[in-house]
Amino acid sequence: MLQRALPSRSRTPAEEALLAPMPDVGGPRQPLLIVDGLVKHFALEDGAVVRAVDGVGFRVAKGETLGVVGESGCGKSTMARLLMQLARQDAGTLVFDGLEVGSRGGMSVRDLQRSAQMVFQDSHASLNPRLTLEQTIAFGPRAAGAGRAVARELAHETLGLVGLAPLVFAGRYPHELSGGQRQRVNIARALAMSPRLLILDESVSALDKSIEAQILNLLQDLRERLALTYVFISHDLNVVRYVSDRVLVMYLGKVVEIGPVRDIYDAPRHPYTRALLASRPSMDPRRRREHAPLSGDPPSPIDPPSGCRFRTRCAIADAVCARIEPMLAQGPHAVACHAADPASGHPLAGEAAPFAAHAGVVS
């Protein structure tokens, strides 16, 4: 944790307690985060409802990185804000290290937002242009009750931790930095609160590839040094494969597949996951695709299809897919697809590899 990595020089016992990470309650085998039945709908003026997140559930183990992928509009960013309680869910529960968030006797939202911090996509818009970097990073500890000198010391320490020399950068303003430097400041601001969980929402997508690699390596190093846990949201499948231990695939507000990164990338079980992975550009001219692996736009979250939400774009959809919504199976590599469930009645459910011979595209 940050408390251990950065020795204090001037903090009082009260400030040490204030800035210390929340204690590990359940031990290493207790999941850090349990999400169950998370729902968030947005009502429109005409009475319609946007089903942004519609029954999402998963677990995040301590010290792991869970990658989250899916097309734009599938609910990834809304889910991130629910995890941070920047928006409140309509239904479902969040359990942080065994404590239910917002329940009597559980964890308060204030404590959750100390233990979990978020790094956003737009590094420039995330920073106040009128504050120096020192003031930006010190703002959180000051709001939590730390003294001015301690907050300033912490700002300098976290700047050094993310590779920005405090004597050079502490007095600078956001417009004086490059995009990569600004994102390092956003990471430092999050670390100043001694979090246990970082939620990274497209945090490297606006950077060029060389800077992106530096930030990814920094995140990997910080995870090891500070015993952090990450939820890493990105549309870049190659980046997700590089940083993640497990991957969660979302489609139209639902989780359609979740499992270890190697299983998801080498043996995907859901047709949507296969299409996503096939959409990556190939550098081998002999293996380039002549046809898109998936066509058409996702259905509207205002009026999603009945049954399986992917069936209108799926090459192996059957009548059962329209009648019954597939449930996410239990196990290390879980999938919500009738073709992967022998008891579903889908004509391909008995095949060992139901997608291999059916790689067509629905227009």
Protein backbone atom coordinates (compact mmCIF):
# COMPACT_ATOMS: atom_id res chain seq x y z
CA MET A 1 0.00 0.00 0.00
CA LEU A 2 1.00 3.61 -0.43
CA GLN A 3 1.37 4.00 3.31
CA ARG A 4 4.14 1.40 3.32
CA ALA A 5 5.80 2.56 0.09
CA LEU A 6 6.07 6.19 1.16
CA PRO A 7 7.59 6.72 4.63
CA SER A 8 6.11 9.62 6.57
CA ARG A 9 8.25 12.45 7.86
CA SER A 10 5.78 14.90 9.38
CA ARG A 11 2.40 13.21 9.87
CA THR A 12 0.72 13.13 13.24
CA PRO A 13 -0.79 9.83 14.45
CA ALA A 14 -4.25 11.17 13.57
CA GLU A 15 -3.14 12.00 10.04
CA GLU A 16 -1.43 8.62 9.69
CA ALA A 17 -4.73 6.93 10.60
CA LEU A 18 -6.67 9.23 8.27
CA LEU A 19 -4.45 8.54 5.24
CA ALA A 20 -3.85 4.84 5.88
CA PRO A 21 -5.47 2.39 3.45
CA MET A 22 -8.67 0.73 4.64
CA PRO A 23 -7.71 -2.53 6.37
CA ASP A 24 -7.89 -5.90 4.63
CA VAL A 25 -10.92 -7.40 6.38
CA GLY A 26 -11.41 -10.80 4.78
CA GLY A 27 -7.89 -11.93 3.95
CA PRO A 28 -6.43 -12.86 0.55
CA ARG A 29 -9.17 -15.37 -0.35
CA GLN A 30 -11.99 -12.87 0.17
CA PRO A 31 -12.86 -11.15 -3.16
CA LEU A 32 -12.14 -7.45 -3.01
CA LEU A 33 -15.28 -6.65 -4.98
CA ILE A 34 -18.50 -8.60 -5.47
CA VAL A 35 -21.07 -7.16 -7.87
CA ASP A 36 -24.50 -8.80 -7.90
CA GLY A 37 -27.47 -7.95 -10.11
CA LEU A 38 -26.39 -4.38 -10.85
CA VAL A 39 -29.06 -2.43 -12.75
CA LYS A 40 -29.09 1.17 -14.00
CA HIS A 41 -31.86 2.49 -16.25
CA PHE A 42 -32.21 6.07 -17.45
CA ALA A 43 -35.71 7.47 -18.00
CA LEU A 44 -36.24 9.71 -21.03
CA GLU A 45 -38.71 12.57 -21.33
CA ASP A 46 -41.04 10.56 -23.58
CA GLY A 47 -41.31 7.81 -20.97
CA ALA A 48 -38.88 5.41 -22.63
CA VAL A 49 -36.13 3.79 -20.57
CA VAL A 50 -32.51 3.28 -21.56
CA ARG A 51 -31.31 -0.03 -20.09
CA ALA A 52 -27.65 0.95 -19.73
CA VAL A 53 -26.69 -1.75 -17.21
CA ASP A 54 -29.15 -4.59 -16.83
CA GLY A 55 -28.29 -7.24 -14.27
CA VAL A 56 -24.49 -7.29 -14.22
CA GLY A 57 -22.67 -9.53 -11.74
CA PHE A 58 -19.02 -10.53 -11.28
CA ARG A 59 -16.21 -10.77 -8.73
CA VAL A 60 -12.76 -9.21 -8.59
CA ALA A 61 -10.06 -10.97 -6.55
CA LYS A 62 -7.51 -9.04 -4.53
CA GLY A 63 -4.46 -8.12 -6.57
CA GLU A 64 -5.89 -9.04 -9.97
CA THR A 65 -6.69 -6.98 -13.04
CA LEU A 66 -10.13 -7.53 -14.54
CA GLY A 67 -10.32 -6.26 -18.13
CA VAL A 68 -13.72 -5.10 -19.42
CA VAL A 69 -14.37 -4.98 -23.18
CA GLY A 70 -17.30 -4.38 -25.49
CA GLU A 71 -18.56 -2.05 -28.21
CA SER A 72 -19.28 1.61 -27.50
CA GLY A 73 -22.64 1.95 -25.78
CA CYS A 74 -22.58 -1.48 -24.13
CA GLY A 75 -22.57 -0.01 -20.60
CA LYS A 76 -18.89 -0.18 -19.62
CA SER A 77 -18.54 3.42 -18.44
CA THR A 78 -21.93 3.44 -16.71
CA MET A 79 -20.88 0.33 -14.83
CA ALA A 80 -17.63 2.03 -13.81
CA ARG A 81 -19.54 4.95 -12.34
CA LEU A 82 -21.80 2.57 -10.45
CA LEU A 83 -18.76 0.82 -8.99
CA MET A 84 -17.53 4.19 -7.75
CA GLN A 85 -21.05 5.21 -6.69
CA LEU A 86 -20.78 8.35 -8.80
CA ALA A 87 -24.20 7.13 -9.95
CA ARG A 88 -26.49 5.02 -7.79
CA GLN A 89 -27.85 1.74 -9.07
CA ASP A 90 -31.58 1.08 -9.39
CA ALA A 91 -31.06 -2.46 -8.10
CA GLY A 92 -28.26 -4.79 -7.13
CA THR A 93 -25.51 -4.76 -4.53
CA LEU A 94 -21.82 -3.93 -4.24
CA VAL A 95 -19.77 -5.76 -1.63
CA PHE A 96 -16.28 -4.40 -0.95
CA ASP A 97 -14.04 -6.82 0.98
CA GLY A 98 -17.05 -8.46 2.61
CA LEU A 99 -18.87 -5.22 3.47
CA GLU A 100 -22.01 -4.27 1.56
CA VAL A 101 -21.80 -0.70 0.32
CA GLY A 102 -24.55 1.60 1.59
CA SER A 103 -26.14 -0.91 3.97
CA ARG A 104 -26.51 -0.53 7.71
CA GLY A 105 -23.46 -2.07 9.34
CA GLY A 106 -21.66 -2.25 5.99
CA MET A 107 -19.42 0.23 4.19
CA SER A 108 -20.39 3.84 3.64
CA VAL A 109 -20.14 5.40 0.19
CA ARG A 110 -17.54 7.80 1.62
CA ASP A 111 -15.33 4.89 2.70
CA LEU A 112 -15.81 3.18 -0.66
CA GLN A 113 -14.66 6.31 -2.46
CA ARG A 114 -11.55 6.36 -0.30
CA SER A 115 -10.81 2.72 -1.00
CA ALA A 116 -11.57 2.93 -4.72
CA GLN A 117 -10.43 5.64 -7.10
CA MET A 118 -11.09 6.24 -10.79
CA VAL A 119 -8.83 7.37 -13.64
CA PHE A 120 -10.78 8.81 -16.57
CA GLN A 121 -10.15 8.80 -20.31
CA ASP A 122 -9.74 12.54 -20.94
CA SER A 123 -6.63 13.48 -19.01
CA HIS A 124 -7.04 17.20 -19.79
CA ALA A 125 -10.72 17.56 -18.83
CA SER A 126 -10.07 15.62 -15.62
CA LEU A 127 -7.77 18.33 -14.26
CA ASN A 128 -8.66 21.81 -13.04
CA PRO A 129 -6.71 24.25 -15.26
CA ARG A 130 -6.48 26.78 -12.40
CA LEU A 131 -4.72 24.44 -9.96
CA THR A 132 -1.07 23.47 -9.97
CA LEU A 133 -0.25 19.78 -9.93
CA GLU A 134 0.63 20.00 -6.25
CA GLN A 135 -2.74 21.57 -5.46
CA THR A 136 -4.57 19.04 -7.63
CA ILE A 137 -3.08 16.00 -5.92
CA ALA A 138 -3.28 17.52 -2.42
CA PHE A 139 -6.98 18.33 -2.81
CA GLY A 140 -8.21 14.83 -1.90
CA PRO A 141 -6.13 14.43 1.28
CA ARG A 142 -7.06 18.00 2.31
CA ALA A 143 -10.75 17.22 1.83
CA ALA A 144 -10.28 14.10 3.94
CA GLY A 145 -8.88 16.19 6.80
CA ALA A 146 -5.10 16.19 6.33
CA GLY A 147 -3.14 19.32 7.15
CA ARG A 148 -1.70 21.52 4.43
CA ALA A 149 1.92 20.42 5.02
CA VAL A 150 1.05 16.72 5.04
CA ALA A 151 -1.09 17.01 1.89
CA ARG A 152 1.74 18.86 0.15
CA GLU A 153 4.25 16.19 1.21
CA LEU A 154 1.93 13.47 -0.05
CA ALA A 155 1.50 15.27 -3.38
CA HIS A 156 5.28 15.39 -3.87
CA GLU A 157 5.67 11.73 -2.92
CA THR A 158 3.00 10.53 -5.34
CA LEU A 159 4.41 12.68 -8.15
CA GLY A 160 7.72 10.91 -7.67
CA LEU A 161 5.95 7.57 -7.58
CA VAL A 162 4.51 8.09 -11.08
CA GLY A 163 7.82 9.30 -12.52
CA LEU A 164 7.40 13.09 -12.35
CA ALA A 165 10.12 14.92 -10.43
CA PRO A 166 8.35 17.02 -7.76
CA LEU A 167 10.83 19.90 -7.93
CA VAL A 168 10.18 20.20 -11.66
CA PHE A 169 6.46 19.49 -11.91
CA ALA A 170 4.76 20.39 -8.59
CA GLY A 171 4.26 24.05 -9.56
CA ARG A 172 3.20 23.45 -13.14
CA TYR A 173 -0.32 23.71 -14.56
CA PRO A 174 -2.08 21.06 -16.69
CA HIS A 175 -1.66 23.00 -19.97
CA GLU A 176 2.12 22.80 -19.52
CA LEU A 177 2.12 19.00 -19.68
CA SER A 178 1.91 16.41 -22.42
CA GLY A 179 -0.99 13.96 -22.53
CA GLY A 180 1.07 11.19 -20.95
CA GLN A 181 2.26 13.48 -18.16
CA ARG A 182 -1.30 14.59 -17.44
CA GLN A 183 -2.41 10.97 -17.16
CA ARG A 184 0.44 10.31 -14.72
CA VAL A 185 -0.91 13.22 -12.64
CA ASN A 186 -4.39 11.66 -12.68
CA ILE A 187 -2.90 8.38 -11.46
CA ALA A 188 -0.95 10.24 -8.75
CA ARG A 189 -4.12 12.02 -7.64
CA ALA A 190 -5.86 8.66 -7.28
CA LEU A 191 -2.94 7.13 -5.37
CA ALA A 192 -2.85 10.05 -2.91
CA MET A 193 -5.99 8.60 -1.27
CA SER A 194 -4.26 5.24 -0.61
CA PRO A 195 -6.86 3.22 -2.54
CA ARG A 196 -7.03 -0.54 -2.79
CA LEU A 197 -8.94 -0.54 -6.11
CA LEU A 198 -8.32 1.55 -9.23
CA ILE A 199 -11.01 1.75 -11.91
CA LEU A 200 -9.37 2.77 -15.19
CA ASP A 201 -11.92 3.85 -17.78
CA GLU A 202 -10.21 4.05 -21.20
CA SER A 203 -7.27 5.60 -19.37
CA VAL A 204 -4.75 5.07 -22.20
CA SER A 205 -6.96 5.28 -25.28
CA ALA A 206 -6.19 8.97 -25.98
CA LEU A 207 -2.40 8.47 -25.91
CA ASP A 208 -0.07 7.57 -28.75
CA LYS A 209 1.37 4.08 -28.67
CA SER A 210 4.79 4.87 -27.22
CA ILE A 211 3.29 6.87 -24.33
CA GLU A 212 0.55 4.27 -23.90
CA ALA A 213 3.21 1.60 -23.36
CA GLN A 214 4.91 3.74 -20.71
CA ILE A 215 1.64 4.25 -18.81
CA LEU A 216 0.77 0.55 -19.01
CA ASN A 217 4.19 -0.41 -17.65
CA LEU A 218 3.77 2.17 -14.88
CA LEU A 219 0.40 0.67 -13.95
CA GLN A 220 1.87 -2.82 -13.85
CA ASP A 221 4.70 -1.63 -11.61
CA LEU A 222 2.34 0.23 -9.26
CA ARG A 223 0.08 -2.80 -8.95
CA GLU A 224 3.00 -4.89 -7.71
CA ARG A 225 4.52 -2.23 -5.44
CA LEU A 226 1.29 -1.04 -3.82
CA ALA A 227 -0.77 -4.27 -3.84
CA LEU A 228 -3.46 -2.67 -5.99
CA THR A 229 -6.43 -4.24 -7.75
CA TYR A 230 -7.59 -2.93 -11.14
CA VAL A 231 -10.79 -2.87 -13.16
CA PHE A 232 -9.40 -1.93 -16.58
CA ILE A 233 -11.97 -0.79 -19.16
CA SER A 234 -10.84 -0.47 -22.76
CA HIS A 235 -11.90 -0.97 -26.36
CA ASP A 236 -8.33 -1.97 -27.28
CA LEU A 237 -8.30 -5.76 -27.12
CA ASN A 238 -4.53 -6.03 -27.37
CA VAL A 239 -4.03 -3.70 -24.40
CA VAL A 240 -6.57 -5.66 -22.36
CA ARG A 241 -4.76 -8.90 -23.13
CA TYR A 242 -1.46 -7.37 -22.00
CA VAL A 243 -2.63 -6.06 -18.62
CA SER A 244 -5.45 -8.39 -17.55
CA ASP A 245 -5.66 -11.58 -15.54
CA ARG A 246 -9.33 -12.11 -16.41
CA VAL A 247 -11.60 -10.52 -19.02
CA LEU A 248 -15.30 -9.60 -18.87
CA VAL A 249 -17.17 -9.10 -22.16
CA MET A 250 -20.25 -6.85 -22.19
CA TYR A 251 -22.96 -6.52 -24.81
CA LEU A 252 -25.95 -4.19 -24.53
CA GLY A 253 -25.83 -3.91 -20.75
CA LYS A 254 -25.21 -7.61 -20.09
CA VAL A 255 -22.19 -9.76 -19.31
CA VAL A 256 -21.97 -12.37 -22.08
CA GLU A 257 -18.65 -14.01 -21.16
CA ILE A 258 -16.06 -13.84 -18.38
CA GLY A 259 -12.97 -15.91 -17.77
CA PRO A 260 -9.16 -16.06 -17.62
CA VAL A 261 -7.50 -13.93 -20.27
CA ARG A 262 -5.89 -16.90 -22.02
CA ASP A 263 -9.20 -18.77 -22.25
CA ILE A 264 -11.09 -15.76 -23.57
CA TYR A 265 -8.51 -14.95 -26.25
CA ASP A 266 -7.53 -18.47 -27.28
CA ALA A 267 -10.87 -20.27 -26.88
CA PRO A 268 -13.78 -17.78 -26.79
CA ARG A 269 -17.16 -19.44 -26.22
CA HIS A 270 -19.62 -16.67 -27.11
CA PRO A 271 -20.24 -15.66 -30.77
CA TYR A 272 -19.91 -11.99 -29.85
CA THR A 273 -16.53 -12.54 -28.20
CA ARG A 274 -15.36 -14.42 -31.28
CA ALA A 275 -16.49 -11.55 -33.50
CA LEU A 276 -14.75 -8.98 -31.32
CA LEU A 277 -11.47 -10.86 -31.41
CA ALA A 278 -11.75 -11.49 -35.15
CA SER A 279 -12.17 -7.75 -35.73
CA ARG A 280 -8.57 -7.04 -34.68
CA PRO A 281 -6.45 -6.03 -37.69
CA SER A 282 -3.96 -8.67 -38.82
CA MET A 283 -0.39 -7.74 -39.68
CA ASP A 284 -0.03 -10.93 -41.73
CA PRO A 285 -1.21 -10.32 -45.33
CA ARG A 286 -1.94 -14.03 -45.70
CA ARG A 287 -4.44 -13.95 -42.83
CA ARG A 288 -6.30 -10.73 -43.57
CA ARG A 289 -10.08 -10.92 -43.60
CA GLU A 290 -12.02 -9.98 -46.70
CA HIS A 291 -15.35 -9.83 -44.86
CA ALA A 292 -16.23 -8.20 -41.56
CA PRO A 293 -16.69 -10.74 -38.76
CA LEU A 294 -19.72 -8.80 -37.53
CA SER A 295 -21.95 -6.26 -39.24
CA GLY A 296 -24.75 -3.95 -38.24
CA ASP A 297 -25.19 -1.76 -35.20
CA PRO A 298 -26.15 -3.01 -31.76
CA PRO A 299 -29.91 -2.81 -31.07
CA SER A 300 -31.20 0.14 -29.09
CA PRO A 301 -30.89 -0.23 -25.31
CA ILE A 302 -34.35 1.38 -25.16
CA ASP A 303 -35.94 -1.65 -26.85
CA PRO A 304 -33.51 -4.60 -26.68
CA PRO A 305 -34.39 -7.86 -28.43
CA SER A 306 -36.22 -10.55 -26.52
CA GLY A 307 -34.25 -13.52 -25.26
CA CYS A 308 -30.58 -13.24 -26.18
CA ARG A 309 -29.72 -9.63 -26.96
CA PHE A 310 -27.08 -10.67 -29.49
CA ARG A 311 -29.38 -12.91 -31.54
CA THR A 312 -30.20 -10.25 -34.17
CA ARG A 313 -26.52 -10.20 -35.21
CA CYS A 314 -25.63 -13.82 -34.49
CA ALA A 315 -25.01 -16.35 -37.29
CA ILE A 316 -26.08 -19.32 -35.15
CA ALA A 317 -29.23 -17.83 -33.58
CA ASP A 318 -32.14 -20.26 -33.19
CA ALA A 319 -35.76 -19.97 -32.11
CA VAL A 320 -34.80 -20.68 -28.49
CA CYS A 321 -32.58 -17.59 -28.55
CA ALA A 322 -35.63 -15.37 -29.11
CA ARG A 323 -37.78 -17.06 -26.47
CA ILE A 324 -35.42 -17.45 -23.51
CA GLU A 325 -32.67 -15.22 -22.20
CA PRO A 326 -29.46 -17.24 -21.69
CA MET A 327 -28.11 -17.10 -18.16
CA LEU A 328 -24.43 -16.64 -17.37
CA ALA A 329 -23.13 -20.08 -16.42
CA GLN A 330 -21.11 -20.63 -13.27
CA GLY A 331 -17.43 -21.51 -13.30
CA PRO A 332 -14.01 -20.03 -14.10
CA HIS A 333 -14.93 -19.52 -17.78
CA ALA A 334 -18.60 -18.53 -17.87
CA VAL A 335 -20.68 -17.77 -20.96
CA ALA A 336 -24.29 -16.71 -21.55
CA CYS A 337 -25.12 -18.58 -24.76
CA HIS A 338 -27.66 -21.31 -25.52
CA ALA A 339 -25.24 -22.96 -27.96
CA ALA A 340 -22.84 -23.56 -25.07
CA ASP A 341 -25.53 -25.10 -22.83
CA PRO A 342 -26.33 -28.78 -23.60
CA ALA A 343 -29.70 -28.45 -21.81
CA SER A 344 -30.90 -25.38 -23.74
CA GLY A 345 -32.43 -27.11 -26.74
CA HIS A 346 -30.26 -25.19 -29.22
CA PRO A 347 -29.47 -27.44 -32.24
CA LEU A 348 -25.73 -26.82 -31.88
CA ALA A 349 -25.60 -27.31 -28.12
CA GLY A 350 -24.29 -30.86 -28.40
CA GLU A 351 -21.35 -29.97 -30.61
CA ALA A 352 -17.88 -29.83 -29.09
CA ALA A 353 -17.09 -26.60 -30.98
CA PRO A 354 -20.49 -25.14 -31.96
CA PHE A 355 -19.08 -21.96 -33.55
CA ALA A 356 -16.25 -23.40 -35.63
CA ALA A 357 -18.33 -24.34 -38.68
CA HIS A 358 -20.69 -21.37 -38.42
CA ALA A 359 -18.51 -18.30 -38.86
CA GLY A 360 -20.94 -16.45 -41.10
CA VAL A 361 -22.05 -12.89 -40.55
CA VAL A 362 -25.58 -11.64 -40.03
CA SER A 363 -26.19 -8.39 -41.89
